C-alpha atoms as a PDB file:
ATOM      1  CA  MET A   1     -16.853  16.953  24.412  1.00  0.00           C
ATOM      2  CA  VAL A   2     -18.596  13.775  23.271  1.00  0.00           C
ATOM      3  CA  ASP A   3     -16.652  10.570  24.005  1.00  0.00           C
ATOM      4  CA  ILE A   4     -16.836   7.948  21.266  1.00  0.00           C
ATOM      5  CA  GLU A   5     -15.956   4.330  21.849  1.00  0.00           C
ATOM      6  CA  VAL A   6     -13.653   2.424  19.494  1.00  0.00           C
ATOM      7  CA  ARG A   7     -16.472  -0.054  18.969  1.00  0.00           C
ATOM      8  CA  GLU A   8     -18.718   2.684  17.718  1.00  0.00           C
ATOM      9  CA  LEU A   9     -16.120   3.900  15.264  1.00  0.00           C
ATOM     10  CA  ARG A  10     -15.669   0.355  13.882  1.00  0.00           C
ATOM     11  CA  TYR A  11     -19.452   0.048  13.443  1.00  0.00           C
ATOM     12  CA  PHE A  12     -19.603   3.426  11.680  1.00  0.00           C
ATOM     13  CA  GLN A  13     -16.599   2.669   9.472  1.00  0.00           C
ATOM     14  CA  ALA A  14     -18.220  -0.645   8.250  1.00  0.00           C
ATOM     15  CA  VAL A  15     -21.444   1.141   7.334  1.00  0.00           C
ATOM     16  CA  ALA A  16     -19.614   4.023   5.764  1.00  0.00           C
ATOM     17  CA  GLU A  17     -17.568   1.668   3.570  1.00  0.00           C
ATOM     18  CA  GLU A  18     -20.497  -0.645   2.670  1.00  0.00           C
ATOM     19  CA  LEU A  19     -23.148   2.046   2.471  1.00  0.00           C
ATOM     20  CA  ASN A  20     -25.558  -0.782   3.403  1.00  0.00           C
ATOM     21  CA  VAL A  21     -26.435  -1.751   6.885  1.00  0.00           C
ATOM     22  CA  SER A  22     -27.147  -5.352   6.128  1.00  0.00           C
ATOM     23  CA  ARG A  23     -23.796  -5.928   4.428  1.00  0.00           C
ATOM     24  CA  ALA A  24     -22.026  -4.026   7.196  1.00  0.00           C
ATOM     25  CA  ALA A  25     -23.700  -6.119   9.847  1.00  0.00           C
ATOM     26  CA  GLN A  26     -22.672  -9.349   7.984  1.00  0.00           C
ATOM     27  CA  ARG A  27     -19.078  -8.077   7.790  1.00  0.00           C
ATOM     28  CA  LEU A  28     -19.111  -7.303  11.519  1.00  0.00           C
ATOM     29  CA  GLY A  29     -20.617 -10.707  12.451  1.00  0.00           C
ATOM     30  CA  MET A  30     -23.732  -9.195  14.031  1.00  0.00           C
ATOM     31  CA  SER A  31     -27.438  -8.797  13.207  1.00  0.00           C
ATOM     32  CA  GLN A  32     -28.805  -5.661  11.526  1.00  0.00           C
ATOM     33  CA  PRO A  33     -31.081  -4.139  14.237  1.00  0.00           C
ATOM     34  CA  PRO A  34     -28.374  -3.584  16.906  1.00  0.00           C
ATOM     35  CA  LEU A  35     -26.093  -2.041  14.254  1.00  0.00           C
ATOM     36  CA  SER A  36     -28.846   0.313  13.127  1.00  0.00           C
ATOM     37  CA  ARG A  37     -29.551   1.313  16.712  1.00  0.00           C
ATOM     38  CA  ALA A  38     -25.860   1.908  17.376  1.00  0.00           C
ATOM     39  CA  ILE A  39     -25.541   4.231  14.336  1.00  0.00           C
ATOM     40  CA  ALA A  40     -28.714   6.084  15.356  1.00  0.00           C
ATOM     41  CA  GLN A  41     -27.416   6.465  18.913  1.00  0.00           C
ATOM     42  CA  LEU A  42     -24.036   7.745  17.528  1.00  0.00           C
ATOM     43  CA  GLU A  43     -25.912  10.373  15.372  1.00  0.00           C
ATOM     44  CA  ARG A  44     -27.915  11.523  18.507  1.00  0.00           C
ATOM     45  CA  ARG A  45     -24.826  11.874  20.648  1.00  0.00           C
ATOM     46  CA  LEU A  46     -22.968  13.815  17.955  1.00  0.00           C
ATOM     47  CA  GLY A  47     -25.962  15.954  17.114  1.00  0.00           C
ATOM     48  CA  VAL A  48     -25.500  15.472  13.346  1.00  0.00           C
ATOM     49  CA  ARG A  49     -26.787  13.141  10.652  1.00  0.00           C
ATOM     50  CA  LEU A  50     -24.072  10.923   9.289  1.00  0.00           C
ATOM     51  CA  PHE A  51     -26.134   9.253   6.517  1.00  0.00           C
ATOM     52  CA  GLU A  52     -28.858  10.246   4.208  1.00  0.00           C
ATOM     53  CA  ARG A  53     -31.349   7.467   3.698  1.00  0.00           C
ATOM     54  CA  ALA A  54     -33.100   7.520   0.309  1.00  0.00           C
ATOM     55  CA  HIS A  55     -34.198   5.010  -2.251  1.00  0.00           C
ATOM     56  CA  ARG A  56     -33.161   2.016  -0.125  1.00  0.00           C
ATOM     57  CA  ARG A  57     -29.495   3.046  -0.179  1.00  0.00           C
ATOM     58  CA  LEU A  58     -27.225   5.159   2.147  1.00  0.00           C
ATOM     59  CA  GLU A  59     -25.095   8.150   1.259  1.00  0.00           C
ATOM     60  CA  LEU A  60     -22.611   9.933   3.628  1.00  0.00           C
ATOM     61  CA  THR A  61     -23.583  13.420   4.617  1.00  0.00           C
ATOM     62  CA  PRO A  62     -20.694  16.031   4.716  1.00  0.00           C
ATOM     63  CA  ALA A  63     -20.506  15.343   8.492  1.00  0.00           C
ATOM     64  CA  GLY A  64     -20.419  11.564   7.758  1.00  0.00           C
ATOM     65  CA  ALA A  65     -17.706  11.990   5.165  1.00  0.00           C
ATOM     66  CA  ALA A  66     -15.580  13.975   7.622  1.00  0.00           C
ATOM     67  CA  LEU A  67     -16.082  11.410  10.332  1.00  0.00           C
ATOM     68  CA  ALA A  68     -15.180   8.608   7.935  1.00  0.00           C
ATOM     69  CA  GLU A  69     -11.881  10.142   7.061  1.00  0.00           C
ATOM     70  CA  GLU A  70     -10.967  10.787  10.730  1.00  0.00           C
ATOM     71  CA  ALA A  71     -12.360   7.419  11.930  1.00  0.00           C
ATOM     72  CA  ALA A  72     -10.008   5.558   9.574  1.00  0.00           C
ATOM     73  CA  ARG A  73      -7.047   7.472  10.984  1.00  0.00           C
ATOM     74  CA  ALA A  74      -8.187   7.024  14.581  1.00  0.00           C
ATOM     75  CA  LEU A  75      -8.751   3.259  14.140  1.00  0.00           C
ATOM     76  CA  ASP A  76      -5.330   2.908  12.502  1.00  0.00           C
ATOM     77  CA  ALA A  77      -3.749   4.736  15.431  1.00  0.00           C
ATOM     78  CA  VAL A  78      -5.467   2.457  17.931  1.00  0.00           C
ATOM     79  CA  SER A  79      -4.400  -0.710  15.993  1.00  0.00           C
ATOM     80  CA  ALA A  80      -0.868   0.647  15.735  1.00  0.00           C
ATOM     81  CA  ALA A  81      -0.661   1.340  19.482  1.00  0.00           C
ATOM     82  CA  VAL A  82      -1.850  -2.142  20.372  1.00  0.00           C
ATOM     83  CA  ARG A  83       0.407  -3.923  17.951  1.00  0.00           C
ATOM     84  CA  ARG A  84       3.528  -1.906  18.840  1.00  0.00           C
ATOM     85  CA  ALA A  85       2.952  -2.219  22.568  1.00  0.00           C
ATOM     86  CA  ARG A  86       2.637  -6.070  22.180  1.00  0.00           C
ATOM     87  CA  ARG A  87       5.824  -6.237  20.219  1.00  0.00           C
ATOM     88  CA  ALA A  88       7.692  -3.980  22.651  1.00  0.00           C
ATOM     89  CA  GLY A  89       6.440  -6.017  25.618  1.00  0.00           C
ATOM     90  CA  SER A  90       7.132  -9.434  24.200  1.00  0.00           C
ATOM     91  CA  VAL A  91       9.932 -11.645  25.559  1.00  0.00           C
ATOM     92  CA  LEU A  92      11.924 -10.909  22.445  1.00  0.00           C
ATOM     93  CA  PRO A  93      11.055  -7.350  21.337  1.00  0.00           C
ATOM     94  CA  SER A  94      11.176  -6.916  17.535  1.00  0.00           C
ATOM     95  CA  LEU A  95      10.628  -4.519  14.718  1.00  0.00           C
ATOM     96  CA  VAL A  96       8.770  -5.362  11.522  1.00  0.00           C
ATOM     97  CA  LEU A  97      10.199  -4.302   8.147  1.00  0.00           C
ATOM     98  CA  THR A  98       7.945  -4.930   5.200  1.00  0.00           C
ATOM     99  CA  ALA A  99       8.341  -4.869   1.452  1.00  0.00           C
ATOM    100  CA  LYS A 100       6.563  -6.475  -1.442  1.00  0.00           C
ATOM    101  CA  ALA A 101       8.045  -9.650  -2.881  1.00  0.00           C
ATOM    102  CA  GLY A 102      11.213  -9.152  -4.880  1.00  0.00           C
ATOM    103  CA  VAL A 103      11.894  -5.585  -3.829  1.00  0.00           C
ATOM    104  CA  ALA A 104      15.527  -4.994  -2.899  1.00  0.00           C
ATOM    105  CA  THR A 105      16.001  -8.467  -1.512  1.00  0.00           C
ATOM    106  CA  ASP A 106      19.786  -8.135  -1.123  1.00  0.00           C
ATOM    107  CA  LEU A 107      19.313  -4.755   0.602  1.00  0.00           C
ATOM    108  CA  LEU A 108      16.927  -6.275   3.067  1.00  0.00           C
ATOM    109  CA  ARG A 109      19.342  -9.046   3.955  1.00  0.00           C
ATOM    110  CA  ARG A 110      22.135  -6.495   4.502  1.00  0.00           C
ATOM    111  CA  VAL A 111      19.888  -4.274   6.615  1.00  0.00           C
ATOM    112  CA  VAL A 112      18.939  -7.177   8.928  1.00  0.00           C
ATOM    113  CA  THR A 113      22.636  -8.179   9.337  1.00  0.00           C
ATOM    114  CA  ALA A 114      23.930  -4.659   9.935  1.00  0.00           C
ATOM    115  CA  PHE A 115      21.097  -3.684  12.268  1.00  0.00           C
ATOM    116  CA  GLY A 116      21.407  -6.887  14.249  1.00  0.00           C
ATOM    117  CA  ALA A 117      25.074  -6.058  14.869  1.00  0.00           C
ATOM    118  CA  LEU A 118      24.125  -2.943  16.889  1.00  0.00           C
ATOM    119  CA  PRO A 119      24.476  -3.461  20.638  1.00  0.00           C
ATOM    120  CA  GLY A 120      21.043  -4.173  22.221  1.00  0.00           C
ATOM    121  CA  ALA A 121      19.120  -3.947  18.916  1.00  0.00           C
ATOM    122  CA  PRO A 122      15.840  -5.780  18.751  1.00  0.00           C
ATOM    123  CA  ASP A 123      15.267  -8.421  16.171  1.00  0.00           C
ATOM    124  CA  VAL A 124      14.067  -7.312  12.749  1.00  0.00           C
ATOM    125  CA  ARG A 125      11.319  -9.408  11.132  1.00  0.00           C
ATOM    126  CA  ILE A 126      10.910  -9.127   7.379  1.00  0.00           C
ATOM    127  CA  THR A 127       7.234  -9.379   6.265  1.00  0.00           C
ATOM    128  CA  VAL A 128       6.406  -9.816   2.556  1.00  0.00           C
ATOM    129  CA  SER A 129       3.419  -7.661   1.761  1.00  0.00           C
ATOM    130  CA  GLY A 130       0.993  -7.357  -1.125  1.00  0.00           C
ATOM    131  CA  PHE A 131       0.930  -4.778  -3.856  1.00  0.00           C
ATOM    132  CA  GLY A 132       0.100  -1.293  -2.526  1.00  0.00           C
ATOM    133  CA  GLU A 133      -0.224  -2.655   1.097  1.00  0.00           C
ATOM    134  CA  GLN A 134       2.850  -1.222   2.765  1.00  0.00           C
ATOM    135  CA  ALA A 135       1.644   2.250   3.629  1.00  0.00           C
ATOM    136  CA  ALA A 136      -1.484   0.842   5.277  1.00  0.00           C
ATOM    137  CA  MET A 137       0.691  -1.560   7.297  1.00  0.00           C
ATOM    138  CA  ILE A 138       2.675   1.396   8.606  1.00  0.00           C
ATOM    139  CA  ARG A 139      -0.440   3.327   9.593  1.00  0.00           C
ATOM    140  CA  ASP A 140      -2.154   0.414  11.408  1.00  0.00           C
ATOM    141  CA  GLY A 141       0.985  -0.897  13.130  1.00  0.00           C
ATOM    142  CA  ARG A 142       1.504  -4.192  11.262  1.00  0.00           C
ATOM    143  CA  ALA A 143       4.922  -2.808  10.298  1.00  0.00           C
ATOM    144  CA  ASP A 144       7.338  -0.300  11.758  1.00  0.00           C
ATOM    145  CA  VAL A 145       9.318   0.474   8.600  1.00  0.00           C
ATOM    146  CA  ALA A 146       8.551  -0.253   5.001  1.00  0.00           C
ATOM    147  CA  LEU A 147      10.229  -0.193   1.586  1.00  0.00           C
ATOM    148  CA  LEU A 148       7.691   0.853  -1.014  1.00  0.00           C
ATOM    149  CA  GLY A 149       7.412   2.528  -4.373  1.00  0.00           C
ATOM    150  CA  THR A 150       5.781   5.861  -5.241  1.00  0.00           C
ATOM    151  CA  PRO A 151       3.126   7.006  -5.617  1.00  0.00           C
ATOM    152  CA  PHE A 152       1.339   5.875  -2.400  1.00  0.00           C
ATOM    153  CA  ASP A 153      -1.131   7.248   0.078  1.00  0.00           C
ATOM    154  CA  ARG A 154       1.085   9.437   2.224  1.00  0.00           C
ATOM    155  CA  HIS A 155      -1.306  10.465   5.042  1.00  0.00           C
ATOM    156  CA  GLY A 156       0.159   9.498   8.423  1.00  0.00           C
ATOM    157  CA  VAL A 157       3.489   8.449   6.826  1.00  0.00           C
ATOM    158  CA  GLU A 158       6.918   9.967   6.621  1.00  0.00           C
ATOM    159  CA  TYR A 159       9.462   8.738   4.160  1.00  0.00           C
ATOM    160  CA  GLU A 160      12.895   9.327   2.619  1.00  0.00           C
ATOM    161  CA  PRO A 161      13.837   8.520  -0.989  1.00  0.00           C
ATOM    162  CA  LEU A 162      16.329   5.698  -1.521  1.00  0.00           C
ATOM    163  CA  PHE A 163      16.745   5.253  -5.321  1.00  0.00           C
ATOM    164  CA  SER A 164      14.907   5.537  -8.593  1.00  0.00           C
ATOM    165  CA  GLU A 165      14.861   3.387 -11.720  1.00  0.00           C
ATOM    166  CA  PRO A 166      13.231   3.511 -15.162  1.00  0.00           C
ATOM    167  CA  ARG A 167      10.120   1.584 -16.055  1.00  0.00           C
ATOM    168  CA  VAL A 168       9.890  -0.720 -19.037  1.00  0.00           C
ATOM    169  CA  ALA A 169       7.024  -2.071 -21.033  1.00  0.00           C
ATOM    170  CA  ALA A 170       6.094  -5.705 -20.404  1.00  0.00           C
ATOM    171  CA  LEU A 171       4.440  -7.145 -23.542  1.00  0.00           C
ATOM    172  CA  PRO A 172       3.237 -10.642 -24.595  1.00  0.00           C
ATOM    173  CA  ALA A 173       5.910 -12.266 -26.716  1.00  0.00           C
ATOM    174  CA  GLY A 174       3.612 -12.189 -29.795  1.00  0.00           C
ATOM    175  CA  HIS A 175       2.511  -8.573 -29.378  1.00  0.00           C
ATOM    176  CA  PRO A 176       2.826  -6.314 -32.455  1.00  0.00           C
ATOM    177  CA  LEU A 177       5.078  -3.963 -30.476  1.00  0.00           C
ATOM    178  CA  ALA A 178       7.391  -6.705 -29.317  1.00  0.00           C
ATOM    179  CA  GLY A 179       9.630  -6.326 -32.360  1.00  0.00           C
ATOM    180  CA  ARG A 180      10.465  -2.701 -31.607  1.00  0.00           C
ATOM    181  CA  THR A 181      13.679  -1.953 -29.727  1.00  0.00           C
ATOM    182  CA  ALA A 182      12.189   0.883 -27.727  1.00  0.00           C
ATOM    183  CA  LEU A 183       8.715   2.407 -27.193  1.00  0.00           C
ATOM    184  CA  ARG A 184       7.067   5.627 -26.170  1.00  0.00           C
ATOM    185  CA  CYS A 185       4.093   6.044 -23.877  1.00  0.00           C
ATOM    186  CA  ALA A 186       1.964   7.078 -26.853  1.00  0.00           C
ATOM    187  CA  ASP A 187       2.566   3.605 -28.381  1.00  0.00           C
ATOM    188  CA  LEU A 188       0.733   2.059 -25.404  1.00  0.00           C
ATOM    189  CA  GLU A 189      -2.247   4.478 -25.474  1.00  0.00           C
ATOM    190  CA  GLY A 190      -5.642   2.848 -24.916  1.00  0.00           C
ATOM    191  CA  MET A 191      -4.202  -0.621 -24.211  1.00  0.00           C
ATOM    192  CA  PRO A 192      -5.512  -2.533 -21.183  1.00  0.00           C
ATOM    193  CA  MET A 193      -3.118  -2.401 -18.215  1.00  0.00           C
ATOM    194  CA  PRO A 194      -3.430  -4.346 -14.958  1.00  0.00           C
ATOM    195  CA  HIS A 195      -4.648  -2.473 -11.877  1.00  0.00           C
ATOM    196  CA  CYS A 196      -4.934  -3.302  -8.162  1.00  0.00           C
ATOM    197  CA  PRO A 197      -8.094  -2.642  -6.184  1.00  0.00           C
ATOM    198  CA  GLY A 198      -8.032  -0.080  -3.467  1.00  0.00           C
ATOM    199  CA  LEU A 199      -5.504   2.319  -5.049  1.00  0.00           C
ATOM    200  CA  SER A 200      -5.891   6.072  -4.825  1.00  0.00           C
ATOM    201  CA  GLY A 201      -6.524   8.171  -7.974  1.00  0.00           C
ATOM    202  CA  PRO A 202      -2.885   9.141  -8.437  1.00  0.00           C
ATOM    203  CA  GLU A 203      -1.786   5.503  -7.918  1.00  0.00           C
ATOM    204  CA  ARG A 204      -4.307   4.200 -10.510  1.00  0.00           C
ATOM    205  CA  ALA A 205      -3.140   6.895 -13.007  1.00  0.00           C
ATOM    206  CA  TYR A 206       0.477   5.990 -12.477  1.00  0.00           C
ATOM    207  CA  TRP A 207       0.032   2.270 -13.120  1.00  0.00           C
ATOM    208  CA  SER A 208      -2.558   2.414 -15.850  1.00  0.00           C
ATOM    209  CA  GLU A 209      -1.636   5.448 -17.991  1.00  0.00           C
ATOM    210  CA  PRO A 210      -1.328   5.762 -20.919  1.00  0.00           C
ATOM    211  CA  GLY A 211      -3.515   2.744 -21.215  1.00  0.00           C
ATOM    212  CA  VAL A 212      -6.945   1.889 -19.776  1.00  0.00           C
ATOM    213  CA  PRO A 213      -7.737  -0.235 -16.675  1.00  0.00           C
ATOM    214  CA  GLY A 214      -7.461  -3.931 -17.472  1.00  0.00           C
ATOM    215  CA  PRO A 215      -7.533  -7.088 -15.370  1.00  0.00           C
ATOM    216  CA  VAL A 216      -7.464  -6.810 -11.559  1.00  0.00           C
ATOM    217  CA  ILE A 217      -4.232  -8.103 -10.028  1.00  0.00           C
ATOM    218  CA  HIS A 218      -2.962  -8.418  -6.426  1.00  0.00           C
ATOM    219  CA  ASP A 219       0.736  -9.030  -6.905  1.00  0.00           C
ATOM    220  CA  SER A 220       3.549  -9.038  -9.397  1.00  0.00           C
ATOM    221  CA  SER A 221       3.161 -12.715 -10.301  1.00  0.00           C
ATOM    222  CA  GLN A 222      -0.493 -12.149 -11.325  1.00  0.00           C
ATOM    223  CA  LEU A 223       0.592  -9.107 -13.258  1.00  0.00           C
ATOM    224  CA  MET A 224       3.140 -11.174 -15.266  1.00  0.00           C
ATOM    225  CA  GLU A 225       0.583 -13.849 -15.917  1.00  0.00           C
ATOM    226  CA  ALA A 226      -1.929 -11.323 -17.228  1.00  0.00           C
ATOM    227  CA  VAL A 227       0.689  -9.986 -19.583  1.00  0.00           C
ATOM    228  CA  ALA A 228       1.854 -13.453 -20.744  1.00  0.00           C
ATOM    229  CA  LEU A 229      -1.741 -14.488 -21.486  1.00  0.00           C
ATOM    230  CA  GLY A 230      -2.201 -11.383 -23.676  1.00  0.00           C
ATOM    231  CA  GLN A 231      -4.795  -9.819 -21.349  1.00  0.00           C
ATOM    232  CA  ALA A 232      -2.738  -6.664 -20.794  1.00  0.00           C
ATOM    233  CA  VAL A 233       0.521  -4.772 -21.192  1.00  0.00           C
ATOM    234  CA  ALA A 234       2.263  -3.083 -18.271  1.00  0.00           C
ATOM    235  CA  LEU A 235       4.817  -0.457 -17.316  1.00  0.00           C
ATOM    236  CA  ILE A 236       6.979  -2.055 -14.612  1.00  0.00           C
ATOM    237  CA  PRO A 237      10.161  -1.206 -12.706  1.00  0.00           C
ATOM    238  CA  LEU A 238      13.346  -2.296 -14.505  1.00  0.00           C
ATOM    239  CA  SER A 239      14.364  -4.359 -11.496  1.00  0.00           C
ATOM    240  CA  LEU A 240      11.134  -6.416 -11.734  1.00  0.00           C
ATOM    241  CA  ALA A 241      11.810  -7.088 -15.450  1.00  0.00           C
ATOM    242  CA  GLU A 242      15.414  -8.111 -14.673  1.00  0.00           C
ATOM    243  CA  GLY A 243      14.286 -10.406 -11.936  1.00  0.00           C
ATOM    244  CA  THR A 244      11.471 -12.059 -13.959  1.00  0.00           C
ATOM    245  CA  PRO A 245      12.968 -13.421 -17.204  1.00  0.00           C
ATOM    246  CA  ARG A 246      10.221 -15.264 -19.192  1.00  0.00           C
ATOM    247  CA  SER A 247      10.084 -16.705 -22.696  1.00  0.00           C
ATOM    248  CA  ASP A 248       6.456 -15.557 -23.058  1.00  0.00           C
ATOM    249  CA  VAL A 249       7.052 -11.924 -22.019  1.00  0.00           C
ATOM    250  CA  VAL A 250       9.340  -9.331 -23.625  1.00  0.00           C
ATOM    251  CA  TYR A 251      10.573  -6.075 -22.008  1.00  0.00           C
ATOM    252  CA  ARG A 252      11.174  -2.885 -23.967  1.00  0.00           C
ATOM    253  CA  PRO A 253      12.496   0.482 -22.682  1.00  0.00           C
ATOM    254  CA  VAL A 254      10.007   3.403 -22.536  1.00  0.00           C
ATOM    255  CA  PRO A 255      12.238   6.474 -22.035  1.00  0.00           C
ATOM    256  CA  ASP A 256       9.363   8.991 -21.504  1.00  0.00           C
ATOM    257  CA  ALA A 257       7.575   6.859 -18.858  1.00  0.00           C
ATOM    258  CA  ARG A 258       7.649   8.213 -15.329  1.00  0.00           C
ATOM    259  CA  SER A 259      10.377   6.522 -13.257  1.00  0.00           C
ATOM    260  CA  TYR A 260       9.731   4.287 -10.232  1.00  0.00           C
ATOM    261  CA  GLU A 261      11.127   5.632  -6.941  1.00  0.00           C
ATOM    262  CA  THR A 262      11.747   3.349  -3.908  1.00  0.00           C
ATOM    263  CA  VAL A 263      11.489   4.968  -0.489  1.00  0.00           C
ATOM    264  CA  VAL A 264      11.813   3.966   3.158  1.00  0.00           C
ATOM    265  CA  ALA A 265       8.753   4.928   5.198  1.00  0.00           C
ATOM    266  CA  TRP A 266       7.684   4.958   8.800  1.00  0.00           C
ATOM    267  CA  ARG A 267       4.670   6.226  10.807  1.00  0.00           C
ATOM    268  CA  GLU A 268       4.465   9.997  11.128  1.00  0.00           C
ATOM    269  CA  GLY A 269       6.147  11.251  14.267  1.00  0.00           C
ATOM    270  CA  ILE A 270       7.761   7.942  15.147  1.00  0.00           C
ATOM    271  CA  ASN A 271      11.314   8.400  13.970  1.00  0.00           C
ATOM    272  CA  GLU A 272      13.263   8.138  17.183  1.00  0.00           C
ATOM    273  CA  GLY A 273      14.738   5.215  19.099  1.00  0.00           C
ATOM    274  CA  TRP A 274      15.170   1.893  17.360  1.00  0.00           C
ATOM    275  CA  VAL A 275      12.815   2.782  14.529  1.00  0.00           C
ATOM    276  CA  GLY A 276      14.933   5.836  13.741  1.00  0.00           C
ATOM    277  CA  ARG A 277      18.095   3.663  13.835  1.00  0.00           C
ATOM    278  CA  LEU A 278      16.561   1.111  11.538  1.00  0.00           C
ATOM    279  CA  VAL A 279      15.516   3.828   9.074  1.00  0.00           C
ATOM    280  CA  ARG A 280      19.037   5.285   9.108  1.00  0.00           C
ATOM    281  CA  THR A 281      20.550   1.806   8.492  1.00  0.00           C
ATOM    282  CA  VAL A 282      18.288   1.387   5.446  1.00  0.00           C
ATOM    283  CA  VAL A 283      19.275   4.774   4.070  1.00  0.00           C
ATOM    284  CA  GLU A 284      22.924   4.263   4.622  1.00  0.00           C
ATOM    285  CA  LEU A 285      23.074   0.828   3.039  1.00  0.00           C
ATOM    286  CA  ALA A 286      20.868   1.928   0.127  1.00  0.00           C
ATOM    287  CA  GLY A 287      23.230   4.770  -0.453  1.00  0.00           C
ATOM    288  CA  GLN A 288      26.160   2.366  -0.556  1.00  0.00           C
ATOM    289  CA  GLU A 289      24.262   0.205  -3.087  1.00  0.00           C
ATOM    290  CA  VAL A 290      23.583   3.168  -5.309  1.00  0.00           C
ATOM    291  CA  GLY A 291      27.244   4.246  -5.072  1.00  0.00           C
ATOM    292  CA  ARG A 292      28.455   0.812  -6.227  1.00  0.00           C
ATOM    293  CA  ALA A 293      25.945   0.772  -9.119  1.00  0.00           C
ATOM    294  CA  ALA A 294      27.260   4.184 -10.223  1.00  0.00           C
END
């Protein structure tokens, strides 16, 4: 079996993502010749070509594509192991619970209080994360548990549904559809909708259909600004609309839009001990919240 160092995987991942050795070297903070030598040495050791070199650009071979997928998972696992070991070995061990801004804020407060009351429980740190970032944080160890919305990249992640809610259309106040009391998805067809970089195909489809990709956004505040400025319309969770009243944006129900589901997620295979207790606390309190709402 060929042993590969973590450093070699990081070099390969940078080149695989950039498909350009110069840009990858700049990203890694090194010069191009040693990076090129490292990739060539990795190909010799593996006995396969990882890149096709033609017309001054690189393309992944089938072997390179396979390694790129596995390398991402392996590097996430290494990062996760290091981060979790450091947290576990700190003077005050802690767990990290992440969610994007504005998501179930009251639930998060209740979870921290209830979990902290358990005998011997470690502290829970709440980390606010960017749009679509939560699953990656679970995989690479920046977070132990996450609250996130579907769809998301599920590889390496286990999850349990918490609650679902309808989505509504967010429109500029002067939009021709703003005078309607309710809309259908067909009414929004072909209109620009905000999208976030780095999303998977299903995620892009969920957030941009039935429209077309519009301005790039990174969080909900940017999304609302894009709508208010007339650059886009958006289908957003009802809770976001209720928590973001604005005079320059109107919200209208869209009964046939796919609903928004919030789940609690954790790294695959790590559902015992305090992580498991934290997940169960989230599920139990979310169930109580749904029961009160009903």
